[in-house]
Amino acid sequence: MREQILEAMIARAAEVFGLNASELSGSTHYDDDLKAKSGQIVQITTYLEDEYDVEIPYMEFRRKKTFDEAAAFIEQLIDG
């Protein structure tokens, strides 16, 4: 499940940041690599909420530094 979440996150982030998905990976950092702004993070979390029918607490999600950490967090939310 985590791999599926990671793939979805990478696909959406590629759209949001105007990148090719192949440029992103689980080790991609939101801040260091992408210089992500709040609005961009919200676009990703909203997409994941719709895709996986789960509520994602923004501040907890924002504390995750990499896509891998964020995917693990989403997986935990889904599993309850």
C-alpha atoms as a PDB file:
ATOM      1  CA  MET A   1       0.000   0.000   0.000  1.00  0.00           C
ATOM      2  CA  ARG A   2       2.824   2.404   0.844  1.00  0.00           C
ATOM      3  CA  GLU A   3       4.322   2.035  -2.632  1.00  0.00           C
ATOM      4  CA  GLN A   4       0.948   2.849  -4.224  1.00  0.00           C
ATOM      5  CA  ILE A   5       0.592   5.937  -2.006  1.00  0.00           C
ATOM      6  CA  LEU A   6       4.133   7.017  -2.871  1.00  0.00           C
ATOM      7  CA  GLU A   7       3.450   6.664  -6.596  1.00  0.00           C
ATOM      8  CA  ALA A   8       0.268   8.726  -6.301  1.00  0.00           C
ATOM      9  CA  MET A   9       2.079  11.373  -4.284  1.00  0.00           C
ATOM     10  CA  ILE A  10       4.911  11.591  -6.813  1.00  0.00           C
ATOM     11  CA  ALA A  11       2.493  11.840  -9.735  1.00  0.00           C
ATOM     12  CA  ARG A  12       0.552  14.672  -8.070  1.00  0.00           C
ATOM     13  CA  ALA A  13       3.703  16.485  -6.926  1.00  0.00           C
ATOM     14  CA  ALA A  14       5.080  16.333 -10.464  1.00  0.00           C
ATOM     15  CA  GLU A  15       1.943  18.135 -11.674  1.00  0.00           C
ATOM     16  CA  VAL A  16       2.005  20.681  -8.849  1.00  0.00           C
ATOM     17  CA  PHE A  17       5.700  21.521  -9.236  1.00  0.00           C
ATOM     18  CA  GLY A  18       5.816  21.241 -13.031  1.00  0.00           C
ATOM     19  CA  LEU A  19       8.357  18.417 -12.997  1.00  0.00           C
ATOM     20  CA  ASN A  20       8.686  15.024 -14.615  1.00  0.00           C
ATOM     21  CA  ALA A  21       7.712  12.258 -12.160  1.00  0.00           C
ATOM     22  CA  SER A  22      11.030  10.549 -12.873  1.00  0.00           C
ATOM     23  CA  GLU A  23      12.759  13.512 -11.182  1.00  0.00           C
ATOM     24  CA  LEU A  24      11.064  12.656  -7.871  1.00  0.00           C
ATOM     25  CA  SER A  25      11.512   9.721  -5.513  1.00  0.00           C
ATOM     26  CA  GLY A  26      10.771   8.613  -1.980  1.00  0.00           C
ATOM     27  CA  SER A  27      13.855  10.455  -0.780  1.00  0.00           C
ATOM     28  CA  THR A  28      12.710  13.776  -2.268  1.00  0.00           C
ATOM     29  CA  HIS A  29      12.527  16.470   0.447  1.00  0.00           C
ATOM     30  CA  TYR A  30       9.624  18.913   0.358  1.00  0.00           C
ATOM     31  CA  ASP A  31      11.711  21.800   1.652  1.00  0.00           C
ATOM     32  CA  ASP A  32      15.287  21.106   0.586  1.00  0.00           C
ATOM     33  CA  ASP A  33      14.559  19.765  -2.907  1.00  0.00           C
ATOM     34  CA  LEU A  34      11.265  21.384  -3.890  1.00  0.00           C
ATOM     35  CA  LYS A  35      11.140  24.547  -1.756  1.00  0.00           C
ATOM     36  CA  ALA A  36       7.455  23.698  -1.274  1.00  0.00           C
ATOM     37  CA  LYS A  37       5.000  26.371  -0.218  1.00  0.00           C
ATOM     38  CA  SER A  38       1.910  25.720   1.897  1.00  0.00           C
ATOM     39  CA  GLY A  39      -0.455  25.947  -1.072  1.00  0.00           C
ATOM     40  CA  GLN A  40       1.497  23.300  -2.951  1.00  0.00           C
ATOM     41  CA  ILE A  41       1.442  20.953   0.034  1.00  0.00           C
ATOM     42  CA  VAL A  42      -2.307  21.492   0.367  1.00  0.00           C
ATOM     43  CA  GLN A  43      -2.789  20.519  -3.292  1.00  0.00           C
ATOM     44  CA  ILE A  44      -0.990  17.248  -2.614  1.00  0.00           C
ATOM     45  CA  THR A  45      -2.812  16.467   0.640  1.00  0.00           C
ATOM     46  CA  THR A  46      -6.208  17.302  -0.858  1.00  0.00           C
ATOM     47  CA  TYR A  47      -5.516  14.960  -3.757  1.00  0.00           C
ATOM     48  CA  LEU A  48      -4.473  12.162  -1.383  1.00  0.00           C
ATOM     49  CA  GLU A  49      -7.533  12.728   0.812  1.00  0.00           C
ATOM     50  CA  ASP A  50      -9.800  12.340  -2.206  1.00  0.00           C
ATOM     51  CA  GLU A  51      -7.848   9.389  -3.589  1.00  0.00           C
ATOM     52  CA  TYR A  52      -7.734   7.383  -0.341  1.00  0.00           C
ATOM     53  CA  ASP A  53     -10.840   8.706   1.458  1.00  0.00           C
ATOM     54  CA  VAL A  54      -8.843   9.738   4.514  1.00  0.00           C
ATOM     55  CA  GLU A  55      -8.487  13.006   6.433  1.00  0.00           C
ATOM     56  CA  ILE A  56      -4.878  14.168   6.569  1.00  0.00           C
ATOM     57  CA  PRO A  57      -3.934  16.546   9.398  1.00  0.00           C
ATOM     58  CA  TYR A  58      -1.978  19.229   7.556  1.00  0.00           C
ATOM     59  CA  MET A  59       0.500  20.107  10.313  1.00  0.00           C
ATOM     60  CA  GLU A  60       1.405  16.471  10.965  1.00  0.00           C
ATOM     61  CA  PHE A  61       1.839  15.866   7.239  1.00  0.00           C
ATOM     62  CA  ARG A  62       3.966  19.000   6.935  1.00  0.00           C
ATOM     63  CA  ARG A  63       6.386  17.680   9.569  1.00  0.00           C
ATOM     64  CA  LYS A  64       7.305  14.786   7.274  1.00  0.00           C
ATOM     65  CA  LYS A  65      10.497  15.689   5.465  1.00  0.00           C
ATOM     66  CA  THR A  66      10.490  13.210   2.566  1.00  0.00           C
ATOM     67  CA  PHE A  67       7.925  11.588   0.320  1.00  0.00           C
ATOM     68  CA  ASP A  68       8.735   8.226   1.984  1.00  0.00           C
ATOM     69  CA  GLU A  69       7.956   9.612   5.435  1.00  0.00           C
ATOM     70  CA  ALA A  70       4.736  11.160   4.153  1.00  0.00           C
ATOM     71  CA  ALA A  71       3.650   7.927   2.425  1.00  0.00           C
ATOM     72  CA  ALA A  72       4.260   5.961   5.639  1.00  0.00           C
ATOM     73  CA  PHE A  73       2.181   8.518   7.539  1.00  0.00           C
ATOM     74  CA  ILE A  74      -0.716   8.249   5.054  1.00  0.00           C
ATOM     75  CA  GLU A  75      -0.534   4.452   5.241  1.00  0.00           C
ATOM     76  CA  GLN A  76      -0.866   4.637   9.034  1.00  0.00           C
ATOM     77  CA  LEU A  77      -3.908   6.893   8.703  1.00  0.00           C
ATOM     78  CA  ILE A  78      -5.551   4.487   6.264  1.00  0.00           C
ATOM     79  CA  ASP A  79      -4.834   1.450   8.439  1.00  0.00           C
ATOM     80  CA  GLY A  80      -6.285   3.246  11.429  1.00  0.00           C
END
